Amino acid sequence: MRFYLASTSPARLATLRSSGIEPVVVPSEVDEDAAVAAAEAAAGGELAPAEMVQLLAQAKAEAVLNSEIDGLVLGGDSAFVLDGVTYGKPHTPEVALERWQKQRGRTGQLYSGHWMIDHRGGQLNSAVGEVTVAEVTFSSDISDAELEAYISSGEPLKVAGAFTIDSLGAAFIDRIEGDPSTVVGVSVPALRRMAGQLDVFWPELWNK
């Protein structure tokens, strides 16, 4: 059975591959800011972190659907929360540095939303979603020089919360409570549960 990943995230792709799945990558073009703004306008208020990542995961999965898609489709989104404030990708070195200065020695929550669509036979059959969360505690002894070097690598600019656990950022994280793959952006245990809800036997997806 084909498994489609509606994301260009190298971390999500690597996580699926290490779990035995070689997905078909189908990049999803979604205006995330516009989607969130529209949802908040309809709701009459700001979305909770779990609601936001689930909304965007669903939007990304649905955006790639067409009659040639035959299998399961996965959309995902992540956000980091510290002191009740939700952070996405920093995009610039200045913003990344500011965030790291706040989160150094602190604990925050990484939310990952997942939306899986059963599109077997080239048609929409059903869909399920799940949000997972993990607590991340950052080292308190990270020096300013280390932060500057990490940010200069460019890695923190394109990921939620300005950090990774599967690459250079791993050295600056002391502890994770919860599923580690949630922090990467795709919870493998959640995927197994969702596949089961769609009557798909998880080992059927192993193709490596």
C-alpha atoms as a PDB file:
ATOM      1  CA  MET A   1       0.000   0.000   0.000  1.00  0.00           C
ATOM      2  CA  ARG A   2       1.314   3.454  -0.881  1.00  0.00           C
ATOM      3  CA  PHE A   3       1.902   5.998   1.858  1.00  0.00           C
ATOM      4  CA  TYR A   4       1.978   9.646   0.822  1.00  0.00           C
ATOM      5  CA  LEU A   5       3.710  12.326   2.884  1.00  0.00           C
ATOM      6  CA  ALA A   6       2.251  15.795   2.283  1.00  0.00           C
ATOM      7  CA  SER A   7       5.392  17.497   3.558  1.00  0.00           C
ATOM      8  CA  THR A   8       8.921  18.366   2.481  1.00  0.00           C
ATOM      9  CA  SER A   9      10.268  18.086   6.036  1.00  0.00           C
ATOM     10  CA  PRO A  10      13.543  16.116   5.971  1.00  0.00           C
ATOM     11  CA  ALA A  11      12.995  15.135   9.609  1.00  0.00           C
ATOM     12  CA  ARG A  12       9.538  13.649   8.976  1.00  0.00           C
ATOM     13  CA  LEU A  13      10.852  11.796   5.927  1.00  0.00           C
ATOM     14  CA  ALA A  14      13.822  10.387   7.840  1.00  0.00           C
ATOM     15  CA  THR A  15      11.587   9.303  10.725  1.00  0.00           C
ATOM     16  CA  LEU A  16       9.229   7.429   8.408  1.00  0.00           C
ATOM     17  CA  ARG A  17      12.154   5.772   6.646  1.00  0.00           C
ATOM     18  CA  SER A  18      13.667   4.635   9.949  1.00  0.00           C
ATOM     19  CA  SER A  19      10.250   3.148  10.800  1.00  0.00           C
ATOM     20  CA  GLY A  20      10.238   1.019   7.670  1.00  0.00           C
ATOM     21  CA  ILE A  21       8.197   3.258   5.393  1.00  0.00           C
ATOM     22  CA  GLU A  22       9.461   4.809   2.168  1.00  0.00           C
ATOM     23  CA  PRO A  23       6.711   7.345   1.432  1.00  0.00           C
ATOM     24  CA  VAL A  24       5.802   9.113  -1.775  1.00  0.00           C
ATOM     25  CA  VAL A  25       6.575  12.765  -1.037  1.00  0.00           C
ATOM     26  CA  VAL A  26       3.921  15.153  -2.353  1.00  0.00           C
ATOM     27  CA  PRO A  27       4.705  18.738  -1.296  1.00  0.00           C
ATOM     28  CA  SER A  28       1.716  20.616   0.064  1.00  0.00           C
ATOM     29  CA  GLU A  29       1.313  24.294  -0.731  1.00  0.00           C
ATOM     30  CA  VAL A  30      -0.786  25.767   2.067  1.00  0.00           C
ATOM     31  CA  ASP A  31      -0.852  29.389   3.200  1.00  0.00           C
ATOM     32  CA  GLU A  32      -0.600  28.573   6.890  1.00  0.00           C
ATOM     33  CA  ASP A  33      -1.075  32.116   8.169  1.00  0.00           C
ATOM     34  CA  ALA A  34      -4.202  32.587   6.056  1.00  0.00           C
ATOM     35  CA  ALA A  35      -5.636  29.235   7.143  1.00  0.00           C
ATOM     36  CA  VAL A  36      -5.127  30.024  10.832  1.00  0.00           C
ATOM     37  CA  ALA A  37      -6.484  33.562  10.454  1.00  0.00           C
ATOM     38  CA  ALA A  38      -9.635  32.279   8.755  1.00  0.00           C
ATOM     39  CA  ALA A  39     -10.192  29.645  11.435  1.00  0.00           C
ATOM     40  CA  GLU A  40      -9.685  32.152  14.238  1.00  0.00           C
ATOM     41  CA  ALA A  41     -12.079  34.600  12.595  1.00  0.00           C
ATOM     42  CA  ALA A  42     -14.698  31.868  12.348  1.00  0.00           C
ATOM     43  CA  ALA A  43     -14.111  30.798  15.945  1.00  0.00           C
ATOM     44  CA  GLY A  44     -14.082  34.345  17.243  1.00  0.00           C
ATOM     45  CA  GLY A  45     -10.783  33.934  19.038  1.00  0.00           C
ATOM     46  CA  GLU A  46      -7.274  32.537  19.034  1.00  0.00           C
ATOM     47  CA  LEU A  47      -6.859  28.818  18.417  1.00  0.00           C
ATOM     48  CA  ALA A  48      -5.317  26.639  21.114  1.00  0.00           C
ATOM     49  CA  PRO A  49      -1.982  25.059  20.086  1.00  0.00           C
ATOM     50  CA  ALA A  50      -3.541  21.617  19.619  1.00  0.00           C
ATOM     51  CA  GLU A  51      -6.322  23.087  17.465  1.00  0.00           C
ATOM     52  CA  MET A  52      -3.856  25.003  15.311  1.00  0.00           C
ATOM     53  CA  VAL A  53      -1.533  22.089  14.520  1.00  0.00           C
ATOM     54  CA  GLN A  54      -4.486  19.820  13.799  1.00  0.00           C
ATOM     55  CA  LEU A  55      -6.068  22.403  11.493  1.00  0.00           C
ATOM     56  CA  LEU A  56      -2.853  22.797   9.490  1.00  0.00           C
ATOM     57  CA  ALA A  57      -2.131  19.070   9.367  1.00  0.00           C
ATOM     58  CA  GLN A  58      -5.587  18.500   7.882  1.00  0.00           C
ATOM     59  CA  ALA A  59      -5.217  21.367   5.414  1.00  0.00           C
ATOM     60  CA  LYS A  60      -1.884  20.045   4.173  1.00  0.00           C
ATOM     61  CA  ALA A  61      -3.165  16.504   3.693  1.00  0.00           C
ATOM     62  CA  GLU A  62      -6.300  17.632   1.873  1.00  0.00           C
ATOM     63  CA  ALA A  63      -4.376  20.025  -0.371  1.00  0.00           C
ATOM     64  CA  VAL A  64      -2.553  17.216  -2.217  1.00  0.00           C
ATOM     65  CA  LEU A  65      -5.567  15.015  -2.962  1.00  0.00           C
ATOM     66  CA  ASN A  66      -6.350  14.084  -6.543  1.00  0.00           C
ATOM     67  CA  SER A  67      -7.588  11.016  -8.400  1.00  0.00           C
ATOM     68  CA  GLU A  68      -4.031   9.691  -8.830  1.00  0.00           C
ATOM     69  CA  ILE A  69      -3.437   9.468  -5.081  1.00  0.00           C
ATOM     70  CA  ASP A  70      -4.114   5.828  -4.170  1.00  0.00           C
ATOM     71  CA  GLY A  71      -3.293   4.943  -0.571  1.00  0.00           C
ATOM     72  CA  LEU A  72      -2.881   6.720   2.759  1.00  0.00           C
ATOM     73  CA  VAL A  73      -2.040  10.421   2.911  1.00  0.00           C
ATOM     74  CA  LEU A  74      -0.397  12.084   5.904  1.00  0.00           C
ATOM     75  CA  GLY A  75      -0.316  15.769   6.749  1.00  0.00           C
ATOM     76  CA  GLY A  76       1.517  17.137   9.770  1.00  0.00           C
ATOM     77  CA  ASP A  77       2.260  20.350  11.602  1.00  0.00           C
ATOM     78  CA  SER A  78       4.092  21.303  14.787  1.00  0.00           C
ATOM     79  CA  ALA A  79       4.274  24.205  17.218  1.00  0.00           C
ATOM     80  CA  PHE A  80       6.254  24.915  20.377  1.00  0.00           C
ATOM     81  CA  VAL A  81       4.671  26.473  23.459  1.00  0.00           C
ATOM     82  CA  LEU A  82       6.576  28.264  26.213  1.00  0.00           C
ATOM     83  CA  ASP A  83       4.831  30.176  28.998  1.00  0.00           C
ATOM     84  CA  GLY A  84       1.546  29.905  27.130  1.00  0.00           C
ATOM     85  CA  VAL A  85       2.931  31.517  23.974  1.00  0.00           C
ATOM     86  CA  THR A  86       2.873  29.492  20.744  1.00  0.00           C
ATOM     87  CA  TYR A  87       5.940  29.606  18.507  1.00  0.00           C
ATOM     88  CA  GLY A  88       6.311  28.347  14.955  1.00  0.00           C
ATOM     89  CA  LYS A  89       9.372  28.668  12.747  1.00  0.00           C
ATOM     90  CA  PRO A  90      11.576  31.696  13.573  1.00  0.00           C
ATOM     91  CA  HIS A  91      12.732  32.236   9.959  1.00  0.00           C
ATOM     92  CA  THR A  92      15.410  34.817  10.924  1.00  0.00           C
ATOM     93  CA  PRO A  93      18.573  34.522  13.092  1.00  0.00           C
ATOM     94  CA  GLU A  94      17.461  37.429  15.260  1.00  0.00           C
ATOM     95  CA  VAL A  95      14.152  35.794  16.169  1.00  0.00           C
ATOM     96  CA  ALA A  96      15.831  32.419  16.718  1.00  0.00           C
ATOM     97  CA  LEU A  97      18.362  33.952  19.120  1.00  0.00           C
ATOM     98  CA  GLU A  98      15.657  35.772  21.052  1.00  0.00           C
ATOM     99  CA  ARG A  99      13.699  32.538  21.483  1.00  0.00           C
ATOM    100  CA  TRP A 100      16.733  30.553  22.613  1.00  0.00           C
ATOM    101  CA  GLN A 101      17.592  33.174  25.193  1.00  0.00           C
ATOM    102  CA  LYS A 102      14.078  32.698  26.604  1.00  0.00           C
ATOM    103  CA  GLN A 103      13.988  28.905  26.517  1.00  0.00           C
ATOM    104  CA  ARG A 104      17.532  28.150  27.719  1.00  0.00           C
ATOM    105  CA  GLY A 105      17.213  26.164  30.951  1.00  0.00           C
ATOM    106  CA  ARG A 106      13.426  26.044  30.632  1.00  0.00           C
ATOM    107  CA  THR A 107      10.782  23.445  29.758  1.00  0.00           C
ATOM    108  CA  GLY A 108       8.224  23.851  26.993  1.00  0.00           C
ATOM    109  CA  GLN A 109       5.723  21.723  25.091  1.00  0.00           C
ATOM    110  CA  LEU A 110       6.023  20.597  21.488  1.00  0.00           C
ATOM    111  CA  TYR A 111       2.675  19.868  19.828  1.00  0.00           C
ATOM    112  CA  SER A 112       2.466  17.796  16.657  1.00  0.00           C
ATOM    113  CA  GLY A 113      -0.757  17.465  14.692  1.00  0.00           C
ATOM    114  CA  HIS A 114      -1.396  14.530  12.359  1.00  0.00           C
ATOM    115  CA  TRP A 115      -4.114  14.015   9.761  1.00  0.00           C
ATOM    116  CA  MET A 116      -4.312  10.723   7.886  1.00  0.00           C
ATOM    117  CA  ILE A 117      -6.634  10.249   4.927  1.00  0.00           C
ATOM    118  CA  ASP A 118      -7.707   6.927   3.460  1.00  0.00           C
ATOM    119  CA  HIS A 119      -7.654   7.671  -0.266  1.00  0.00           C
ATOM    120  CA  ARG A 120      -7.499   4.123  -1.541  1.00  0.00           C
ATOM    121  CA  GLY A 121      -8.968   3.720  -4.989  1.00  0.00           C
ATOM    122  CA  GLY A 122      -8.331   7.393  -5.747  1.00  0.00           C
ATOM    123  CA  GLN A 123     -11.242   8.596  -3.656  1.00  0.00           C
ATOM    124  CA  LEU A 124     -11.803  10.011  -0.189  1.00  0.00           C
ATOM    125  CA  ASN A 125     -13.002   7.179   2.032  1.00  0.00           C
ATOM    126  CA  SER A 126     -12.358   8.391   5.571  1.00  0.00           C
ATOM    127  CA  ALA A 127      -9.873  10.323   7.689  1.00  0.00           C
ATOM    128  CA  VAL A 128      -8.599  10.460  11.257  1.00  0.00           C
ATOM    129  CA  GLY A 129      -6.474  12.877  13.228  1.00  0.00           C
ATOM    130  CA  GLU A 130      -4.480  12.965  16.430  1.00  0.00           C
ATOM    131  CA  VAL A 131      -2.437  15.546  18.310  1.00  0.00           C
ATOM    132  CA  THR A 132       0.497  14.451  20.451  1.00  0.00           C
ATOM    133  CA  VAL A 133       2.557  16.521  22.872  1.00  0.00           C
ATOM    134  CA  ALA A 134       5.970  16.114  24.476  1.00  0.00           C
ATOM    135  CA  GLU A 135       7.752  18.220  27.076  1.00  0.00           C
ATOM    136  CA  VAL A 136      11.237  19.421  26.177  1.00  0.00           C
ATOM    137  CA  THR A 137      13.749  20.640  28.764  1.00  0.00           C
ATOM    138  CA  PHE A 138      16.685  22.658  27.469  1.00  0.00           C
ATOM    139  CA  SER A 139      20.144  22.711  29.016  1.00  0.00           C
ATOM    140  CA  SER A 140      20.771  25.623  31.349  1.00  0.00           C
ATOM    141  CA  ASP A 141      24.505  25.879  30.683  1.00  0.00           C
ATOM    142  CA  ILE A 142      24.363  26.660  26.955  1.00  0.00           C
ATOM    143  CA  SER A 143      26.813  29.478  26.302  1.00  0.00           C
ATOM    144  CA  ASP A 144      26.085  32.489  24.128  1.00  0.00           C
ATOM    145  CA  ALA A 145      28.870  31.352  21.798  1.00  0.00           C
ATOM    146  CA  GLU A 146      27.223  27.949  21.397  1.00  0.00           C
ATOM    147  CA  LEU A 147      23.882  29.575  20.637  1.00  0.00           C
ATOM    148  CA  GLU A 148      25.456  31.850  18.036  1.00  0.00           C
ATOM    149  CA  ALA A 149      27.178  28.896  16.385  1.00  0.00           C
ATOM    150  CA  TYR A 150      23.981  26.852  16.355  1.00  0.00           C
ATOM    151  CA  ILE A 151      21.936  29.666  14.872  1.00  0.00           C
ATOM    152  CA  SER A 152      24.657  30.385  12.303  1.00  0.00           C
ATOM    153  CA  SER A 153      24.265  26.791  11.077  1.00  0.00           C
ATOM    154  CA  GLY A 154      20.817  27.762   9.790  1.00  0.00           C
ATOM    155  CA  GLU A 155      19.161  24.691  11.274  1.00  0.00           C
ATOM    156  CA  PRO A 156      16.932  26.459  13.851  1.00  0.00           C
ATOM    157  CA  LEU A 157      15.420  28.872  11.339  1.00  0.00           C
ATOM    158  CA  LYS A 158      13.138  26.380   9.613  1.00  0.00           C
ATOM    159  CA  VAL A 159      11.763  24.328  12.512  1.00  0.00           C
ATOM    160  CA  ALA A 160       9.076  24.926  15.127  1.00  0.00           C
ATOM    161  CA  GLY A 161      10.592  26.225  18.346  1.00  0.00           C
ATOM    162  CA  ALA A 162      13.963  26.856  16.668  1.00  0.00           C
ATOM    163  CA  PHE A 163      15.371  23.461  17.663  1.00  0.00           C
ATOM    164  CA  THR A 164      15.711  19.831  16.604  1.00  0.00           C
ATOM    165  CA  ILE A 165      16.396  16.639  18.529  1.00  0.00           C
ATOM    166  CA  ASP A 166      17.591  14.607  15.553  1.00  0.00           C
ATOM    167  CA  SER A 167      20.482  16.816  14.470  1.00  0.00           C
ATOM    168  CA  LEU A 168      22.671  19.615  15.839  1.00  0.00           C
ATOM    169  CA  GLY A 169      20.119  20.757  18.405  1.00  0.00           C
ATOM    170  CA  ALA A 170      20.212  17.442  20.269  1.00  0.00           C
ATOM    171  CA  ALA A 171      23.268  18.567  22.239  1.00  0.00           C
ATOM    172  CA  PHE A 172      21.271  21.356  23.883  1.00  0.00           C
ATOM    173  CA  ILE A 173      18.344  19.275  25.171  1.00  0.00           C
ATOM    174  CA  ASP A 174      18.567  17.621  28.580  1.00  0.00           C
ATOM    175  CA  ARG A 175      15.284  15.755  28.739  1.00  0.00           C
ATOM    176  CA  ILE A 176      12.161  14.798  26.796  1.00  0.00           C
ATOM    177  CA  GLU A 177       8.977  13.544  28.431  1.00  0.00           C
ATOM    178  CA  GLY A 178       6.682  11.882  25.924  1.00  0.00           C
ATOM    179  CA  ASP A 179       7.152  10.295  22.533  1.00  0.00           C
ATOM    180  CA  PRO A 180      10.489  11.571  21.101  1.00  0.00           C
ATOM    181  CA  SER A 181       9.233  11.339  17.519  1.00  0.00           C
ATOM    182  CA  THR A 182       6.556  13.898  18.409  1.00  0.00           C
ATOM    183  CA  VAL A 183       9.367  16.428  18.764  1.00  0.00           C
ATOM    184  CA  VAL A 184      10.620  15.522  15.292  1.00  0.00           C
ATOM    185  CA  GLY A 185       7.161  16.355  13.977  1.00  0.00           C
ATOM    186  CA  VAL A 186       5.587  12.977  13.367  1.00  0.00           C
ATOM    187  CA  SER A 187       4.660  10.579  16.171  1.00  0.00           C
ATOM    188  CA  VAL A 188       5.167   7.044  14.893  1.00  0.00           C
ATOM    189  CA  PRO A 189       2.986   5.478  17.629  1.00  0.00           C
ATOM    190  CA  ALA A 190       0.214   7.911  16.665  1.00  0.00           C
ATOM    191  CA  LEU A 191       0.535   6.891  13.024  1.00  0.00           C
ATOM    192  CA  ARG A 192       0.145   3.234  13.958  1.00  0.00           C
ATOM    193  CA  ARG A 193      -2.989   4.039  15.954  1.00  0.00           C
ATOM    194  CA  MET A 194      -4.499   6.100  13.126  1.00  0.00           C
ATOM    195  CA  ALA A 195      -3.716   3.456  10.513  1.00  0.00           C
ATOM    196  CA  GLY A 196      -5.528   0.948  12.708  1.00  0.00           C
ATOM    197  CA  GLN A 197      -8.570   3.222  12.873  1.00  0.00           C
ATOM    198  CA  LEU A 198      -8.587   3.175   9.074  1.00  0.00           C
ATOM    199  CA  ASP A 199      -8.454  -0.638   9.092  1.00  0.00           C
ATOM    200  CA  VAL A 200      -4.865  -0.723   7.880  1.00  0.00           C
ATOM    201  CA  PHE A 201      -2.509  -3.273   9.453  1.00  0.00           C
ATOM    202  CA  TRP A 202       0.612  -1.251  10.303  1.00  0.00           C
ATOM    203  CA  PRO A 203       3.139  -3.837   9.035  1.00  0.00           C
ATOM    204  CA  GLU A 204       1.451  -3.645   5.615  1.00  0.00           C
ATOM    205  CA  LEU A 205       3.037  -0.206   5.266  1.00  0.00           C
ATOM    206  CA  TRP A 206       6.588  -1.473   5.712  1.00  0.00           C
ATOM    207  CA  ASN A 207       8.204  -1.292   2.291  1.00  0.00           C
ATOM    208  CA  LYS A 208      11.895  -0.933   3.055  1.00  0.00           C
END
